[in-house]
Structure formats: structure tokens, C-alpha cells
Amino acid sequence: MWKMLLVLLVAAAIVAIEWRSLMERKQKRELWTFFLLCLAGTSLGVAKALQLNIPNPLDWISALYKPLSNLIYGGSA
């Protein structure tokens, strides 16, 4: 529980610092991009703090290209 709270507090501090800077320079697109990436990172951080199983993207890529690999190399491994 404390780890999750720490992740949220750090994310809030980062947002508070960056929000002001991006608003002063009137960078709306960068602000939205920062917000979405921060939300994704914070979500993964909270999931990791709660010890949830987070899937590895490399497993998905491997499963996608496995049939092509088998076709090229002729193996069924």
C-alpha cells in the first residue's frame, strides 16, 4: 500500500513541475503527450507496486513472428 502511495506522490510531483512549465510555453500537444505517457507510466508503477502480473511485450512479438520464423528456418521449435 505504501509503495503505491509513493508512486502516486512522485507522479503528482512530476506532473506539478512539468505542467507549469508546459503551460507557460503554451505547448498544448506536448502537455497532452506528457499527460498520457505519465498516466501509462503511473499505471504500470502502481501495478508493479501491487505485484500484479504485467505481460511482457516481447512475448507478443515472439508469438506474432513465430510462424514466419518456422517457415524460413523450417523448424517447429
N, C-alpha and C. Protein backbone atom coordinates (compact mmCIF):
# COMPACT_ATOMS: atom_id res chain seq x y z
N MET A 1 0.82 -1.19 0.00
CA MET A 1 0.00 0.00 0.00
C MET A 1 0.87 1.26 0.00
N TRP A 2 1.96 1.22 0.79
CA TRP A 2 2.85 2.38 0.87
C TRP A 2 3.58 2.61 -0.44
N LYS A 3 3.93 1.51 -1.12
CA LYS A 3 4.63 1.65 -2.40
C LYS A 3 3.72 2.33 -3.42
N MET A 4 2.46 1.94 -3.43
CA MET A 4 1.51 2.54 -4.36
C MET A 4 1.34 4.04 -4.06
N LEU A 5 1.25 4.38 -2.81
CA LEU A 5 1.13 5.78 -2.42
C LEU A 5 2.37 6.57 -2.82
N LEU A 6 3.53 5.97 -2.66
CA LEU A 6 4.78 6.62 -3.05
C LEU A 6 4.83 6.87 -4.56
N VAL A 7 4.40 5.88 -5.34
CA VAL A 7 4.36 6.05 -6.80
C VAL A 7 3.43 7.20 -7.18
N LEU A 8 2.27 7.25 -6.57
CA LEU A 8 1.30 8.30 -6.87
C LEU A 8 1.82 9.68 -6.46
N LEU A 9 2.50 9.77 -5.32
CA LEU A 9 3.05 11.05 -4.87
C LEU A 9 4.17 11.54 -5.79
N VAL A 10 5.03 10.64 -6.21
CA VAL A 10 6.11 11.02 -7.13
C VAL A 10 5.52 11.46 -8.47
N ALA A 11 4.53 10.73 -8.96
CA ALA A 11 3.90 11.11 -10.23
C ALA A 11 3.22 12.47 -10.11
N ALA A 12 2.57 12.73 -8.99
CA ALA A 12 1.92 14.03 -8.78
C ALA A 12 2.95 15.15 -8.74
N ALA A 13 4.08 14.91 -8.11
CA ALA A 13 5.13 15.93 -8.06
C ALA A 13 5.69 16.21 -9.45
N ILE A 14 5.91 15.18 -10.22
CA ILE A 14 6.42 15.35 -11.59
C ILE A 14 5.42 16.13 -12.44
N VAL A 15 4.15 15.78 -12.33
CA VAL A 15 3.12 16.48 -13.09
C VAL A 15 3.05 17.94 -12.68
N ALA A 16 3.13 18.22 -11.38
CA ALA A 16 3.06 19.60 -10.90
C ALA A 16 4.20 20.44 -11.46
N ILE A 17 5.39 19.87 -11.51
CA ILE A 17 6.55 20.60 -12.03
C ILE A 17 6.44 20.82 -13.53
N GLU A 18 6.13 19.77 -14.27
CA GLU A 18 6.11 19.85 -15.73
C GLU A 18 4.89 20.61 -16.24
N TRP A 19 3.77 20.49 -15.57
CA TRP A 19 2.53 21.14 -16.01
C TRP A 19 2.73 22.65 -16.12
N ARG A 20 3.29 23.23 -15.09
CA ARG A 20 3.50 24.68 -15.06
C ARG A 20 4.43 25.10 -16.20
N SER A 21 5.50 24.36 -16.39
CA SER A 21 6.46 24.69 -17.44
C SER A 21 5.84 24.61 -18.84
N LEU A 22 5.07 23.57 -19.09
CA LEU A 22 4.45 23.40 -20.41
C LEU A 22 3.33 24.41 -20.65
N MET A 23 2.60 24.78 -19.61
CA MET A 23 1.54 25.76 -19.77
C MET A 23 2.10 27.16 -20.03
N GLU A 24 3.21 27.50 -19.39
CA GLU A 24 3.82 28.81 -19.62
C GLU A 24 4.30 28.96 -21.06
N ARG A 25 4.78 27.87 -21.64
CA ARG A 25 5.27 27.91 -23.03
C ARG A 25 4.16 27.62 -24.04
N LYS A 26 2.93 27.43 -23.54
CA LYS A 26 1.75 27.18 -24.37
C LYS A 26 1.95 25.99 -25.33
N GLN A 27 2.46 24.91 -24.80
CA GLN A 27 2.70 23.70 -25.59
C GLN A 27 1.60 22.68 -25.27
N LYS A 28 0.48 22.85 -25.96
CA LYS A 28 -0.69 22.02 -25.67
C LYS A 28 -0.48 20.56 -26.09
N ARG A 29 0.07 20.33 -27.28
CA ARG A 29 0.29 18.95 -27.74
C ARG A 29 1.26 18.21 -26.83
N GLU A 30 2.34 18.88 -26.47
CA GLU A 30 3.33 18.27 -25.59
C GLU A 30 2.73 17.98 -24.22
N LEU A 31 1.83 18.85 -23.78
CA LEU A 31 1.17 18.66 -22.49
C LEU A 31 0.30 17.41 -22.52
N TRP A 32 -0.47 17.21 -23.58
CA TRP A 32 -1.30 16.01 -23.70
C TRP A 32 -0.45 14.76 -23.81
N THR A 33 0.61 14.84 -24.59
CA THR A 33 1.50 13.68 -24.73
C THR A 33 2.13 13.34 -23.39
N PHE A 34 2.63 14.36 -22.69
CA PHE A 34 3.21 14.14 -21.36
C PHE A 34 2.19 13.52 -20.41
N PHE A 35 0.97 14.05 -20.43
CA PHE A 35 -0.06 13.54 -19.54
C PHE A 35 -0.38 12.07 -19.82
N LEU A 36 -0.51 11.71 -21.08
CA LEU A 36 -0.83 10.32 -21.43
C LEU A 36 0.31 9.37 -21.07
N LEU A 37 1.55 9.78 -21.36
CA LEU A 37 2.69 8.93 -21.02
C LEU A 37 2.86 8.81 -19.50
N CYS A 38 2.62 9.90 -18.80
CA CYS A 38 2.71 9.87 -17.34
C CYS A 38 1.62 8.97 -16.75
N LEU A 39 0.44 9.02 -17.32
CA LEU A 39 -0.66 8.16 -16.87
C LEU A 39 -0.32 6.69 -17.10
N ALA A 40 0.24 6.38 -18.26
CA ALA A 40 0.63 4.99 -18.56
C ALA A 40 1.73 4.53 -17.60
N GLY A 41 2.73 5.37 -17.41
CA GLY A 41 3.82 5.01 -16.52
C GLY A 41 3.38 4.86 -15.08
N THR A 42 2.51 5.74 -14.63
CA THR A 42 2.00 5.66 -13.27
C THR A 42 1.15 4.41 -13.09
N SER A 43 0.36 4.08 -14.09
CA SER A 43 -0.46 2.86 -14.02
C SER A 43 0.41 1.62 -13.90
N LEU A 44 1.47 1.56 -14.71
CA LEU A 44 2.38 0.41 -14.62
C LEU A 44 3.12 0.39 -13.29
N GLY A 45 3.49 1.55 -12.78
CA GLY A 45 4.15 1.62 -11.48
C GLY A 45 3.25 1.15 -10.35
N VAL A 46 2.00 1.54 -10.40
CA VAL A 46 1.05 1.09 -9.37
C VAL A 46 0.81 -0.41 -9.49
N ALA A 47 0.69 -0.91 -10.72
CA ALA A 47 0.51 -2.35 -10.92
C ALA A 47 1.71 -3.13 -10.38
N LYS A 48 2.90 -2.61 -10.64
CA LYS A 48 4.11 -3.27 -10.13
C LYS A 48 4.16 -3.20 -8.61
N ALA A 49 3.76 -2.08 -8.02
CA ALA A 49 3.75 -1.94 -6.57
C ALA A 49 2.76 -2.91 -5.92
N LEU A 50 1.68 -3.18 -6.63
CA LEU A 50 0.68 -4.13 -6.13
C LEU A 50 1.02 -5.57 -6.48
N GLN A 51 2.17 -5.77 -7.10
CA GLN A 51 2.68 -7.08 -7.51
C GLN A 51 1.72 -7.81 -8.44
N LEU A 52 1.15 -7.07 -9.37
CA LEU A 52 0.28 -7.69 -10.38
C LEU A 52 1.14 -8.23 -11.51
N ASN A 53 0.62 -9.19 -12.22
CA ASN A 53 1.35 -9.77 -13.35
C ASN A 53 1.22 -8.85 -14.55
N ILE A 54 2.34 -8.29 -15.00
CA ILE A 54 2.35 -7.39 -16.15
C ILE A 54 2.93 -8.16 -17.33
N PRO A 55 2.16 -8.31 -18.42
CA PRO A 55 2.67 -9.08 -19.55
C PRO A 55 3.85 -8.39 -20.24
N ASN A 56 4.74 -9.20 -20.77
CA ASN A 56 5.92 -8.71 -21.46
C ASN A 56 5.60 -8.52 -22.94
N PRO A 57 5.80 -7.32 -23.50
CA PRO A 57 5.50 -7.09 -24.92
C PRO A 57 6.34 -7.96 -25.86
N LEU A 58 7.52 -8.37 -25.43
CA LEU A 58 8.35 -9.22 -26.29
C LEU A 58 7.72 -10.60 -26.51
N ASP A 59 6.94 -11.07 -25.55
CA ASP A 59 6.24 -12.34 -25.73
C ASP A 59 5.22 -12.23 -26.86
N TRP A 60 4.55 -11.10 -26.95
CA TRP A 60 3.56 -10.90 -28.02
C TRP A 60 4.25 -10.83 -29.37
N ILE A 61 5.37 -10.13 -29.45
CA ILE A 61 6.11 -10.02 -30.70
C ILE A 61 6.62 -11.39 -31.12
N SER A 62 7.12 -12.16 -30.18
CA SER A 62 7.62 -13.51 -30.46
C SER A 62 6.50 -14.40 -31.00
N ALA A 63 5.34 -14.34 -30.39
CA ALA A 63 4.20 -15.15 -30.84
C ALA A 63 3.75 -14.73 -32.24
N LEU A 64 3.86 -13.44 -32.54
CA LEU A 64 3.44 -12.94 -33.84
C LEU A 64 4.36 -13.43 -34.96
N TYR A 65 5.67 -13.42 -34.69
CA TYR A 65 6.63 -13.78 -35.73
C TYR A 65 7.07 -15.24 -35.71
N LYS A 66 6.59 -16.03 -34.78
CA LYS A 66 6.95 -17.45 -34.69
C LYS A 66 6.59 -18.21 -35.96
N PRO A 67 5.39 -18.07 -36.52
CA PRO A 67 5.09 -18.81 -37.76
C PRO A 67 6.01 -18.42 -38.92
N LEU A 68 6.36 -17.17 -39.04
CA LEU A 68 7.26 -16.73 -40.10
C LEU A 68 8.65 -17.32 -39.89
N SER A 69 9.11 -17.35 -38.66
CA SER A 69 10.40 -17.95 -38.34
C SER A 69 10.43 -19.43 -38.68
N ASN A 70 9.34 -20.12 -38.35
CA ASN A 70 9.25 -21.54 -38.68
C ASN A 70 9.26 -21.77 -40.18
N LEU A 71 8.63 -20.90 -40.90
CA LEU A 71 8.60 -21.03 -42.36
C LEU A 71 9.99 -20.82 -42.96
N ILE A 72 10.70 -19.83 -42.48
CA ILE A 72 12.04 -19.51 -43.02
C ILE A 72 13.05 -20.58 -42.62
N TYR A 73 13.08 -20.96 -41.37
CA TYR A 73 14.10 -21.89 -40.89
C TYR A 73 13.67 -23.35 -40.94
N GLY A 74 12.42 -23.60 -41.25
CA GLY A 74 11.94 -24.96 -41.44
C GLY A 74 11.84 -25.78 -40.16
N GLY A 75 11.87 -25.15 -39.02
CA GLY A 75 11.78 -25.89 -37.75
C GLY A 75 10.42 -25.70 -37.14
N SER A 76 10.13 -26.54 -36.17
CA SER A 76 8.86 -26.40 -35.46
C SER A 76 9.13 -26.13 -33.99
N ALA A 77 10.29 -25.63 -33.69
CA ALA A 77 10.66 -25.36 -32.29
C ALA A 77 9.87 -24.18 -31.85
